[in-house]
């Protein structure tokens, strides 16, 4: 059974930094990409960053230069390094992965999220 477990969320001051971690457990061959999303209170879940199986990264335009996505395949772990946190960054941060088995079969998995709070 595939499970994603996020951690690292915390209360941090504006301008501070945090590193979020997402550990993938279970056998997951064929991971096509992994993604971070966030959901602020009362708002829709939004894309944060993505990293493909080949290491290509993509970011939400508003977060470029402050957030960095990376992964450690040996540890089955995805990271999100967040710098210079702003008052608009709080929310629950979720990691997800896309598994491709074949041209006709694929699956998506989500973690439970980790809360990031930014104080002014």
C-alpha atoms as a PDB file:
ATOM      1  CA  UNK A   1       0.000   0.000   0.000  1.00  0.00           C
ATOM      2  CA  UNK A   2       1.386   3.369  -1.000  1.00  0.00           C
ATOM      3  CA  UNK A   3       1.466   6.073   1.624  1.00  0.00           C
ATOM      4  CA  UNK A   4       2.773   9.612   1.562  1.00  0.00           C
ATOM      5  CA  UNK A   5       3.571  11.300   4.852  1.00  0.00           C
ATOM      6  CA  UNK A   6       4.354  14.992   5.029  1.00  0.00           C
ATOM      7  CA  UNK A   7       6.108  16.647   7.928  1.00  0.00           C
ATOM      8  CA  UNK A   8       7.988  19.808   8.754  1.00  0.00           C
ATOM      9  CA  UNK A   9       5.105  22.232   8.926  1.00  0.00           C
ATOM     10  CA  UNK A  10       5.393  24.732  11.736  1.00  0.00           C
ATOM     11  CA  UNK A  11       4.768  28.269  12.915  1.00  0.00           C
ATOM     12  CA  UNK A  12       7.406  30.579  11.495  1.00  0.00           C
ATOM     13  CA  UNK A  13       7.831  34.324  11.313  1.00  0.00           C
ATOM     14  CA  UNK A  14       7.586  36.319   8.118  1.00  0.00           C
ATOM     15  CA  UNK A  15      10.943  36.100   6.395  1.00  0.00           C
ATOM     16  CA  UNK A  16      11.758  32.762   7.943  1.00  0.00           C
ATOM     17  CA  UNK A  17      12.460  29.402   6.346  1.00  0.00           C
ATOM     18  CA  UNK A  18      11.061  25.906   6.529  1.00  0.00           C
ATOM     19  CA  UNK A  19      11.806  22.599   4.902  1.00  0.00           C
ATOM     20  CA  UNK A  20       8.921  20.245   4.317  1.00  0.00           C
ATOM     21  CA  UNK A  21       9.448  16.534   3.896  1.00  0.00           C
ATOM     22  CA  UNK A  22       7.297  13.898   2.227  1.00  0.00           C
ATOM     23  CA  UNK A  23       8.241  10.283   2.774  1.00  0.00           C
ATOM     24  CA  UNK A  24       6.859   7.709   0.366  1.00  0.00           C
ATOM     25  CA  UNK A  25       6.338   4.248   1.765  1.00  0.00           C
ATOM     26  CA  UNK A  26       5.405   1.153  -0.132  1.00  0.00           C
ATOM     27  CA  UNK A  27       6.609  -0.022  -3.494  1.00  0.00           C
ATOM     28  CA  UNK A  28       5.949   2.567  -6.158  1.00  0.00           C
ATOM     29  CA  UNK A  29       7.518   1.699  -9.489  1.00  0.00           C
ATOM     30  CA  UNK A  30       6.960   4.036 -12.373  1.00  0.00           C
ATOM     31  CA  UNK A  31       6.762   7.381 -10.562  1.00  0.00           C
ATOM     32  CA  UNK A  32       6.339   9.932 -13.312  1.00  0.00           C
ATOM     33  CA  UNK A  33       6.471  13.036 -11.164  1.00  0.00           C
ATOM     34  CA  UNK A  34       5.909  14.351  -7.661  1.00  0.00           C
ATOM     35  CA  UNK A  35       4.239  17.595  -6.725  1.00  0.00           C
ATOM     36  CA  UNK A  36       3.648  19.939  -3.835  1.00  0.00           C
ATOM     37  CA  UNK A  37       0.327  21.725  -3.504  1.00  0.00           C
ATOM     38  CA  UNK A  38      -0.996  23.999  -0.817  1.00  0.00           C
ATOM     39  CA  UNK A  39      -4.412  24.937   0.406  1.00  0.00           C
ATOM     40  CA  UNK A  40      -4.992  28.127   2.342  1.00  0.00           C
ATOM     41  CA  UNK A  41      -8.010  28.479   4.546  1.00  0.00           C
ATOM     42  CA  UNK A  42     -11.071  29.245   2.444  1.00  0.00           C
ATOM     43  CA  UNK A  43      -9.199  28.910  -0.828  1.00  0.00           C
ATOM     44  CA  UNK A  44      -8.764  26.248  -3.449  1.00  0.00           C
ATOM     45  CA  UNK A  45      -5.784  23.964  -3.463  1.00  0.00           C
ATOM     46  CA  UNK A  46      -3.064  25.423  -5.661  1.00  0.00           C
ATOM     47  CA  UNK A  47       0.017  24.141  -7.363  1.00  0.00           C
ATOM     48  CA  UNK A  48       3.337  24.909  -5.713  1.00  0.00           C
ATOM     49  CA  UNK A  49       6.073  22.897  -7.403  1.00  0.00           C
ATOM     50  CA  UNK A  50       6.707  19.734  -9.386  1.00  0.00           C
ATOM     51  CA  UNK A  51       9.677  17.489 -10.060  1.00  0.00           C
ATOM     52  CA  UNK A  52       9.687  14.868 -12.794  1.00  0.00           C
ATOM     53  CA  UNK A  53      11.375  11.484 -12.801  1.00  0.00           C
ATOM     54  CA  UNK A  54      14.234  13.050 -14.722  1.00  0.00           C
ATOM     55  CA  UNK A  55      14.646  15.866 -12.240  1.00  0.00           C
ATOM     56  CA  UNK A  56      13.008  18.647 -14.209  1.00  0.00           C
ATOM     57  CA  UNK A  57      11.415  21.153 -11.849  1.00  0.00           C
ATOM     58  CA  UNK A  58       8.507  23.515 -12.316  1.00  0.00           C
ATOM     59  CA  UNK A  59       7.226  26.186  -9.949  1.00  0.00           C
ATOM     60  CA  UNK A  60       4.229  28.412  -9.555  1.00  0.00           C
ATOM     61  CA  UNK A  61       5.268  31.754 -10.978  1.00  0.00           C
ATOM     62  CA  UNK A  62       4.687  33.589  -7.712  1.00  0.00           C
ATOM     63  CA  UNK A  63       7.004  31.218  -5.828  1.00  0.00           C
ATOM     64  CA  UNK A  64       9.986  31.079  -8.132  1.00  0.00           C
ATOM     65  CA  UNK A  65      13.181  32.012  -6.377  1.00  0.00           C
ATOM     66  CA  UNK A  66      11.832  31.354  -2.879  1.00  0.00           C
ATOM     67  CA  UNK A  67      10.815  27.703  -2.975  1.00  0.00           C
ATOM     68  CA  UNK A  68      12.932  24.756  -4.061  1.00  0.00           C
ATOM     69  CA  UNK A  69      11.667  21.237  -4.697  1.00  0.00           C
ATOM     70  CA  UNK A  70      14.046  18.307  -4.543  1.00  0.00           C
ATOM     71  CA  UNK A  71      14.044  14.612  -3.857  1.00  0.00           C
ATOM     72  CA  UNK A  72      16.256  11.884  -2.486  1.00  0.00           C
ATOM     73  CA  UNK A  73      15.407   8.680  -4.302  1.00  0.00           C
ATOM     74  CA  UNK A  74      17.510   6.573  -1.957  1.00  0.00           C
ATOM     75  CA  UNK A  75      15.332   7.733   0.922  1.00  0.00           C
ATOM     76  CA  UNK A  76      12.065   7.815  -1.049  1.00  0.00           C
ATOM     77  CA  UNK A  77      11.702  11.377   0.124  1.00  0.00           C
ATOM     78  CA  UNK A  78      10.500  14.589  -1.458  1.00  0.00           C
ATOM     79  CA  UNK A  79      11.441  17.989  -0.057  1.00  0.00           C
ATOM     80  CA  UNK A  80      10.234  21.540  -0.309  1.00  0.00           C
ATOM     81  CA  UNK A  81      12.638  24.193   0.909  1.00  0.00           C
ATOM     82  CA  UNK A  82      10.809  27.439   1.552  1.00  0.00           C
ATOM     83  CA  UNK A  83      12.694  30.690   2.048  1.00  0.00           C
ATOM     84  CA  UNK A  84      11.617  34.239   2.873  1.00  0.00           C
ATOM     85  CA  UNK A  85       8.158  33.127   3.885  1.00  0.00           C
ATOM     86  CA  UNK A  86       5.411  35.670   3.408  1.00  0.00           C
ATOM     87  CA  UNK A  87       2.041  36.285   4.979  1.00  0.00           C
ATOM     88  CA  UNK A  88       0.386  34.724   1.914  1.00  0.00           C
ATOM     89  CA  UNK A  89       2.244  31.405   2.278  1.00  0.00           C
ATOM     90  CA  UNK A  90       0.305  29.775   5.159  1.00  0.00           C
ATOM     91  CA  UNK A  91      -1.809  26.739   4.487  1.00  0.00           C
ATOM     92  CA  UNK A  92      -1.810  22.999   4.470  1.00  0.00           C
ATOM     93  CA  UNK A  93       0.907  21.706   2.191  1.00  0.00           C
ATOM     94  CA  UNK A  94       0.304  18.410   0.418  1.00  0.00           C
ATOM     95  CA  UNK A  95       2.601  16.198  -1.544  1.00  0.00           C
ATOM     96  CA  UNK A  96       1.382  13.946  -4.303  1.00  0.00           C
ATOM     97  CA  UNK A  97       2.808  11.550  -6.816  1.00  0.00           C
ATOM     98  CA  UNK A  98       1.777  10.296 -10.218  1.00  0.00           C
ATOM     99  CA  UNK A  99       2.489   6.671 -10.986  1.00  0.00           C
ATOM    100  CA  UNK A 100       2.338   5.436 -14.558  1.00  0.00           C
ATOM    101  CA  UNK A 101       2.020   1.699 -15.021  1.00  0.00           C
ATOM    102  CA  UNK A 102       1.281   1.687 -18.725  1.00  0.00           C
ATOM    103  CA  UNK A 103      -0.249   3.897 -21.378  1.00  0.00           C
ATOM    104  CA  UNK A 104      -3.665   2.995 -20.023  1.00  0.00           C
ATOM    105  CA  UNK A 105      -3.004   2.675 -16.332  1.00  0.00           C
ATOM    106  CA  UNK A 106      -1.851   5.252 -13.849  1.00  0.00           C
ATOM    107  CA  UNK A 107      -2.504   6.285 -10.288  1.00  0.00           C
ATOM    108  CA  UNK A 108      -2.257   9.356  -8.149  1.00  0.00           C
ATOM    109  CA  UNK A 109      -1.544   9.405  -4.454  1.00  0.00           C
ATOM    110  CA  UNK A 110      -1.796  12.157  -1.855  1.00  0.00           C
ATOM    111  CA  UNK A 111      -0.508  12.696   1.621  1.00  0.00           C
ATOM    112  CA  UNK A 112      -2.516  14.068   4.537  1.00  0.00           C
ATOM    113  CA  UNK A 113      -0.794  17.422   4.535  1.00  0.00           C
ATOM    114  CA  UNK A 114       1.291  19.455   6.928  1.00  0.00           C
ATOM    115  CA  UNK A 115       0.298  22.844   8.312  1.00  0.00           C
ATOM    116  CA  UNK A 116       2.443  25.899   7.683  1.00  0.00           C
ATOM    117  CA  UNK A 117       1.645  29.036   9.642  1.00  0.00           C
ATOM    118  CA  UNK A 118       3.356  32.367   9.161  1.00  0.00           C
ATOM    119  CA  UNK A 119       3.202  35.016  11.859  1.00  0.00           C
ATOM    120  CA  UNK A 120       3.596  38.714  11.189  1.00  0.00           C
END
